[in-house]
Protein backbone atom coordinates (compact mmCIF):
# COMPACT_ATOMS: atom_id res chain seq x y z
CA UNK A 1 131.20 116.78 68.86
CA UNK A 2 131.69 120.23 67.28
CA UNK A 3 128.13 121.59 67.75
CA UNK A 4 128.49 123.63 70.96
CA UNK A 5 124.75 123.73 72.00
CA UNK A 6 124.37 119.98 71.40
CA UNK A 7 127.58 119.31 73.30
CA UNK A 8 126.44 121.43 76.25
CA UNK A 9 123.15 119.53 76.43
CA UNK A 10 124.98 116.21 76.35
CA UNK A 11 127.41 117.41 79.03
CA UNK A 12 124.53 118.61 81.21
CA UNK A 13 122.76 115.27 80.82
CA UNK A 14 125.87 113.44 82.05
CA UNK A 15 126.37 115.79 85.01
CA UNK A 16 122.77 115.32 86.16
CA UNK A 17 123.50 111.71 87.07
CA UNK A 18 124.46 111.35 90.79
CA UNK A 19 128.20 110.80 90.42
CA UNK A 20 131.46 112.67 89.91
CA UNK A 21 132.86 112.71 86.40
CA UNK A 22 136.63 112.92 85.79
CA UNK A 23 137.43 115.60 83.23
CA UNK A 24 139.26 113.09 81.03
CA UNK A 25 136.22 110.77 80.93
CA UNK A 26 133.91 113.64 79.97
CA UNK A 27 136.33 114.68 77.23
CA UNK A 28 136.41 111.11 75.93
CA UNK A 29 132.61 110.79 76.03
CA UNK A 30 132.14 114.03 74.08
CA UNK A 31 135.15 113.54 71.80
CA UNK A 32 136.73 116.89 72.73
CA UNK A 33 139.80 118.07 74.62
CA UNK A 34 139.91 118.57 78.44
CA UNK A 35 140.35 122.29 77.75
CA UNK A 36 137.04 122.34 75.87
CA UNK A 37 135.38 120.57 78.80
CA UNK A 38 136.65 123.28 81.14
CA UNK A 39 135.24 126.01 78.88
CA UNK A 40 131.90 124.20 78.65
CA UNK A 41 131.74 123.85 82.45
CA UNK A 42 132.24 127.62 82.70
CA UNK A 43 129.38 128.15 80.22
CA UNK A 44 127.07 125.96 82.32
CA UNK A 45 127.99 127.94 85.43
CA UNK A 46 127.18 131.17 83.60
CA UNK A 47 123.74 129.68 82.83
CA UNK A 48 123.10 129.06 86.53
CA UNK A 49 124.07 125.40 86.86
CA UNK A 50 126.14 124.89 90.05
CA UNK A 51 128.95 122.63 88.83
CA UNK A 52 131.53 121.78 91.47
CA UNK A 53 135.11 120.83 90.56
CA UNK A 54 137.27 118.60 92.77
CA UNK A 55 141.01 119.04 93.12
CA UNK A 56 143.63 116.37 92.52
CA UNK A 57 145.67 114.74 89.82
CA UNK A 58 142.59 113.42 88.04
CA UNK A 59 140.03 116.10 88.94
CA UNK A 60 136.33 115.72 88.49
CA UNK A 61 133.03 117.55 88.12
CA UNK A 62 129.58 117.06 89.57
CA UNK A 63 126.34 119.01 89.70
CA UNK A 64 125.40 120.12 93.23
CA UNK A 65 122.35 121.73 94.81
CA UNK A 66 122.21 125.47 94.18
CA UNK A 67 120.05 128.40 95.21
CA UNK A 68 117.58 127.81 92.38
CA UNK A 69 116.23 124.88 90.39
CA UNK A 70 117.80 124.83 86.91
CA UNK A 71 116.10 123.06 83.98
CA UNK A 72 116.47 119.29 84.08
CA UNK A 73 117.27 117.00 81.20
CA UNK A 74 115.45 113.66 81.35
CA UNK A 75 115.98 110.59 79.23
CA UNK A 76 112.99 108.64 77.89
CA UNK A 77 112.72 106.25 80.83
CA UNK A 78 112.98 109.03 83.42
CA UNK A 79 110.33 111.16 81.70
CA UNK A 80 107.90 108.24 81.49
CA UNK A 81 108.47 107.30 85.14
CA UNK A 82 107.85 110.85 86.38
CA UNK A 83 104.76 111.33 84.20
CA UNK A 84 103.22 108.04 85.37
CA UNK A 85 103.91 108.91 89.01
CA UNK A 86 102.43 112.40 88.73
CA UNK A 87 99.39 111.06 86.89
CA UNK A 88 98.76 108.44 89.56
CA UNK A 89 99.04 110.96 92.38
CA UNK A 90 97.05 113.72 90.74
CA UNK A 91 94.27 111.43 89.54
CA UNK A 92 93.40 110.37 93.09
CA UNK A 93 93.79 113.72 94.89
CA UNK A 94 96.32 112.26 97.30
CA UNK A 95 96.96 114.50 100.31
CA UNK A 96 100.02 116.63 99.69
CA UNK A 97 99.76 116.39 95.90
CA UNK A 98 98.54 119.88 95.14
CA UNK A 99 98.30 122.36 92.27
CA UNK A 100 102.08 122.55 91.84
CA UNK A 101 102.23 118.82 91.04
CA UNK A 102 99.51 119.18 88.44
CA UNK A 103 101.31 122.14 86.87
CA UNK A 104 104.48 120.05 86.68
CA UNK A 105 102.54 117.25 84.99
CA UNK A 106 101.00 119.70 82.51
CA UNK A 107 104.44 121.08 81.59
CA UNK A 108 105.95 117.61 81.21
CA UNK A 109 103.14 116.23 79.06
CA UNK A 110 103.25 119.32 76.85
CA UNK A 111 106.79 118.51 75.72
CA UNK A 112 106.59 114.71 75.72
CA UNK A 113 107.02 113.24 72.22
CA UNK A 114 103.97 111.30 71.00
CA UNK A 115 105.81 107.97 71.37
CA UNK A 116 106.47 108.65 75.06
CA UNK A 117 102.97 109.98 75.65
CA UNK A 118 101.65 106.68 74.28
CA UNK A 119 103.92 104.73 76.67
CA UNK A 120 102.69 106.76 79.65
CA UNK A 121 99.05 106.11 78.76
CA UNK A 122 99.69 102.42 78.14
CA UNK A 123 101.42 102.02 81.51
CA UNK A 124 98.68 103.79 83.39
CA UNK A 125 95.91 101.85 81.66
CA UNK A 126 97.64 98.57 82.48
CA UNK A 127 97.87 99.25 86.23
CA UNK A 128 95.19 99.43 88.91
CA UNK A 129 96.05 101.60 91.93
CA UNK A 130 95.09 100.45 95.43
CA UNK A 131 93.43 103.48 97.02
CA UNK A 132 91.49 104.12 100.19
CA UNK A 133 88.30 105.02 98.35
CA UNK A 134 87.83 108.39 100.10
CA UNK A 135 87.71 110.44 96.92
CA UNK A 136 86.75 110.09 93.30
CA UNK A 137 89.16 109.04 90.58
CA UNK A 138 89.92 111.72 87.98
CA UNK A 139 91.37 111.42 84.51
CA UNK A 140 94.76 113.18 84.82
CA UNK A 141 94.27 114.64 81.34
CA UNK A 142 91.33 116.60 82.73
CA UNK A 143 93.54 118.00 85.49
CA UNK A 144 96.34 118.97 83.13
CA UNK A 145 93.91 120.68 80.75
CA UNK A 146 92.41 122.72 83.60
CA UNK A 147 95.83 123.56 85.07
CA UNK A 148 97.26 124.63 81.71
CA UNK A 149 94.25 126.85 80.99
CA UNK A 150 94.45 128.49 84.42
CA UNK A 151 98.19 129.11 84.07
CA UNK A 152 97.86 130.37 80.50
CA UNK A 153 94.76 132.49 81.29
CA UNK A 154 92.75 130.73 78.61
CA UNK A 155 88.97 130.29 78.64
CA UNK A 156 87.59 126.77 79.08
CA UNK A 157 84.53 124.92 77.88
CA UNK A 158 83.34 121.71 79.52
CA UNK A 159 80.34 119.57 80.35
CA UNK A 160 79.34 119.57 84.00
CA UNK A 161 77.17 117.22 86.07
CA UNK A 162 75.73 118.75 89.24
CA UNK A 163 75.01 116.88 92.47
CA UNK A 164 71.40 116.15 91.44
CA UNK A 165 72.51 114.76 88.06
CA UNK A 166 71.67 117.82 85.95
CA UNK A 167 74.03 118.16 82.97
CA UNK A 168 75.01 121.56 81.61
CA UNK A 169 77.60 123.14 79.32
CA UNK A 170 79.86 125.72 80.92
CA UNK A 171 82.28 128.35 79.63
CA UNK A 172 84.56 129.73 82.35
CA UNK A 173 87.66 131.73 83.09
CA UNK A 174 89.66 129.30 85.28
CA UNK A 175 91.36 130.81 88.33
CA UNK A 176 92.92 128.00 90.38
CA UNK A 177 92.75 124.27 91.09
CA UNK A 178 92.41 123.40 94.78
CA UNK A 179 92.91 119.98 96.37
CA UNK A 180 91.23 119.15 99.68
CA UNK A 181 92.96 115.77 100.00
CA UNK A 182 89.66 114.09 99.15
CA UNK A 183 88.83 115.83 95.89
CA UNK A 184 89.98 118.40 93.36
CA UNK A 185 87.97 121.57 92.78
CA UNK A 186 88.19 124.25 90.07
CA UNK A 187 87.59 127.84 91.13
CA UNK A 188 86.48 129.81 88.06
CA UNK A 189 84.38 132.72 86.83
CA UNK A 190 81.32 131.31 85.03
CA UNK A 191 80.67 133.48 81.97
CA UNK A 192 77.12 132.14 81.45
CA UNK A 193 76.06 132.87 85.04
CA UNK A 194 78.22 135.99 85.37
CA UNK A 195 79.45 134.91 88.78
CA UNK A 196 82.19 132.94 90.52
CA UNK A 197 81.67 129.20 90.93
CA UNK A 198 83.46 126.14 92.30
CA UNK A 199 83.32 122.91 90.28
CA UNK A 200 84.12 119.40 91.45
CA UNK A 201 86.68 118.18 88.93
CA UNK A 202 85.40 114.58 89.03
CA UNK A 203 82.12 115.95 87.59
CA UNK A 204 83.85 117.83 84.76
CA UNK A 205 83.73 116.19 81.33
CA UNK A 206 85.26 116.95 77.94
CA UNK A 207 87.27 120.03 78.98
CA UNK A 208 88.41 122.11 76.03
CA UNK A 209 90.72 125.13 76.05
CA UNK A 210 89.21 127.60 73.58
CA UNK A 211 92.36 129.60 72.87
CA UNK A 212 90.64 132.85 73.91
CA UNK A 213 92.78 134.74 76.43
CA UNK A 214 91.38 136.73 79.34
CA UNK A 215 92.51 139.18 81.99
CA UNK A 216 92.06 137.63 85.47
CA UNK A 217 89.30 139.12 87.59
CA UNK A 218 89.79 139.78 91.32
CA UNK A 219 88.46 136.89 93.36
CA UNK A 220 85.89 138.08 95.95
CA UNK A 221 87.30 136.74 99.21
CA UNK A 222 86.47 138.54 102.44
CA UNK A 223 89.47 139.85 104.34
CA UNK A 224 91.97 138.93 101.59
CA UNK A 225 94.18 141.48 99.91
CA UNK A 226 95.30 141.37 96.31
CA UNK A 227 97.89 138.88 95.08
CA UNK A 228 100.39 141.68 94.52
CA UNK A 229 99.93 142.98 98.09
CA UNK A 230 100.68 139.55 99.58
CA UNK A 231 103.28 138.55 97.01
CA UNK A 232 101.69 135.13 96.32
CA UNK A 233 99.98 133.53 93.32
CA UNK A 234 96.39 133.57 94.59
CA UNK A 235 96.37 129.98 95.84
CA UNK A 236 95.45 131.10 99.36
CA UNK A 237 92.57 133.19 98.05
CA UNK A 238 91.24 130.23 96.05
CA UNK A 239 91.40 127.95 99.09
CA UNK A 240 89.53 130.49 101.24
CA UNK A 241 86.91 130.98 98.52
CA UNK A 242 86.40 127.21 98.24
CA UNK A 243 86.10 126.83 102.02
CA UNK A 244 83.48 129.57 102.14
CA UNK A 245 81.54 127.98 99.27
CA UNK A 246 81.59 124.57 100.95
CA UNK A 247 80.33 126.05 104.23
CA UNK A 248 77.34 127.47 102.36
CA UNK A 249 76.61 124.14 100.68
CA UNK A 250 76.95 121.92 103.75
CA UNK A 251 76.59 122.58 107.48
CA UNK A 252 79.81 122.87 109.42
CA UNK A 253 80.65 120.10 111.89
CA UNK A 254 82.46 121.15 115.06
CA UNK A 255 84.33 118.04 116.15
CA UNK A 256 85.37 117.27 119.71
CA UNK A 257 86.81 113.75 119.87
CA UNK A 258 89.05 112.05 122.42
CA UNK A 259 91.32 109.22 121.25
CA UNK A 260 92.88 106.59 123.47
CA UNK A 261 96.22 106.75 121.64
CA UNK A 262 99.15 109.19 121.39
CA UNK A 263 98.73 112.29 119.22
CA UNK A 264 101.45 111.16 116.79
CA UNK A 265 99.63 107.87 116.15
CA UNK A 266 96.29 109.59 115.53
CA UNK A 267 97.72 112.42 113.40
CA UNK A 268 99.31 109.92 111.01
CA UNK A 269 95.90 108.30 110.42
CA UNK A 270 93.70 111.39 110.07
CA UNK A 271 93.25 113.52 106.93
CA UNK A 272 95.46 116.60 107.12
CA UNK A 273 92.59 119.07 106.72
CA UNK A 274 91.09 117.93 110.05
CA UNK A 275 94.16 119.22 111.84
CA UNK A 276 96.30 117.62 114.54
CA UNK A 277 94.96 116.52 117.95
CA UNK A 278 96.55 117.79 121.16
CA UNK A 279 97.93 115.41 123.84
CA UNK A 280 95.64 115.28 126.91
CA UNK A 281 98.29 114.25 129.41
CA UNK A 282 96.71 110.84 130.02
CA UNK A 283 98.34 108.91 127.18
CA UNK A 284 95.64 109.97 124.73
CA UNK A 285 94.80 113.07 122.72
CA UNK A 286 91.86 115.29 121.84
CA UNK A 287 90.82 116.66 118.45
CA UNK A 288 88.89 119.91 118.26
CA UNK A 289 88.28 120.94 114.66
CA UNK A 290 85.68 122.21 112.21
CA UNK A 291 84.94 120.70 108.82
CA UNK A 292 82.28 120.61 106.14
CA UNK A 293 82.66 116.90 105.33
CA UNK A 294 79.64 114.63 105.42
CA UNK A 295 78.64 113.01 108.71
CA UNK A 296 79.08 109.53 107.20
CA UNK A 297 82.58 110.26 105.92
CA UNK A 298 83.75 111.71 109.25
CA UNK A 299 82.38 108.70 111.15
CA UNK A 300 84.23 106.25 108.91
CA UNK A 301 87.49 108.21 109.09
CA UNK A 302 87.36 108.23 112.89
CA UNK A 303 86.79 104.47 112.91
CA UNK A 304 89.75 103.94 110.55
CA UNK A 305 92.14 105.52 113.06
CA UNK A 306 92.07 102.06 114.66
CA UNK A 307 92.03 102.96 118.34
CA UNK A 308 89.48 103.61 121.07
CA UNK A 309 87.77 107.01 120.81
CA UNK A 310 84.81 108.87 122.26
CA UNK A 311 82.82 111.66 120.62
CA UNK A 312 82.07 114.67 122.83
CA UNK A 313 80.45 116.51 119.95
CA UNK A 314 78.57 117.17 117.80
CA UNK A 315 75.53 115.18 119.04
CA UNK A 316 74.50 114.12 115.52
CA UNK A 317 77.87 112.47 114.98
CA UNK A 318 77.57 110.54 118.24
CA UNK A 319 74.05 109.45 117.26
CA UNK A 320 75.20 108.33 113.81
CA UNK A 321 78.07 106.31 115.29
CA UNK A 322 75.67 104.66 117.75
CA UNK A 323 73.39 103.57 114.89
CA UNK A 324 76.33 102.45 112.76
CA UNK A 325 77.75 100.43 115.66
CA UNK A 326 74.43 98.69 116.19
CA UNK A 327 74.24 97.74 112.50
CA UNK A 328 77.81 96.43 112.51
CA UNK A 329 77.12 94.41 115.66
CA UNK A 330 74.05 92.82 114.05
CA UNK A 331 76.06 92.09 110.91
CA UNK A 332 78.80 90.39 112.93
CA UNK A 333 76.26 88.40 114.95
CA UNK A 334 74.61 87.17 111.77
CA UNK A 335 77.94 86.09 110.33
CA UNK A 336 78.80 84.20 113.53
CA UNK A 337 75.43 82.42 113.58
CA UNK A 338 75.80 81.19 109.98
CA UNK A 339 79.38 79.97 109.44
CA UNK A 340 80.34 79.35 105.85
CA UNK A 341 80.83 75.76 104.79
CA UNK A 342 84.49 74.84 104.88
CA UNK A 343 85.48 78.08 106.60
CA UNK A 344 88.64 78.01 108.68
CA UNK A 345 87.58 78.40 112.35
CA UNK A 346 90.86 80.10 113.24
CA UNK A 347 90.34 83.85 112.66
CA UNK A 348 94.08 84.36 112.35
CA UNK A 349 94.04 82.58 108.99
CA UNK A 350 92.90 85.34 106.67
CA UNK A 351 92.06 85.18 103.01
CA UNK A 352 94.26 88.04 101.92
CA UNK A 353 96.41 88.11 98.78
CA UNK A 354 99.03 85.44 98.39
CA UNK A 355 102.58 86.49 99.13
CA UNK A 356 104.82 85.15 96.44
């Protein structure tokens, strides 16, 4: 292989597999001499790839973790697998899958050949994810379009459906995408309304990047300095702006809940944005937090923790849980009074999916 750039790419692809490669085997794979392999290894090191050489009669090379993340080379199967995984995570606003994941998906899909992009879409369309149902499903292409426009400072046009069903056309300068764990939101400057707005991404339709570039405006967040002063990318400002907007739209709930289970157990079953409860010294824990989620959603999430709990506040949450409990009790009593014909009387015999 006489083409040096092509040979370096092939060599890099081999080294990115998790194994050590003897120099002789690399030379044979690339049809060059061991001396050429040594020179190519030095070139990769000069480019920032941390290639480690082992001593011995045979000698070998492997790529190790370095101080920075060098570009990766992916084969077709690897690229498809990563794109499908990122799409699945981003499309359901899974906790911990934030703006960085969407940016990675946008970059990957930008360079995917059309044949691989078709395979990714076909795989996703043929699978149905099992989700908790807390948030709305989003087309990942919408997310990647918004993320690419925000990163490239490119104006966007899209159709938007408000909470009351009103449909409008918007043209915005996108600032950041923010995930709450439940939903994705776009923070943007609305050119038609000449003001900053937050948009629920699951209500965005037909997003289109216009190609018109813009200079980012400063986001009006109280008590926040400029991005340059803090040395970040503005993600914190966007999150604070969204939190402030949500507080205006929905009353804040101040939660005070005691759980009859250890803090570790409860923390693993609560959404991250509610925070972590503190142990109370009696084998249980107590959660004191503020949120702008709906009363109904908070009640259901507390019930899904699957342990005994008592609500100390707010009063409206306690009242809602009392009414919900009464309805569930009546529903269970009705089901017990009217057994289904042929039903198995042993409650341990469920009707879940068959295990093959």
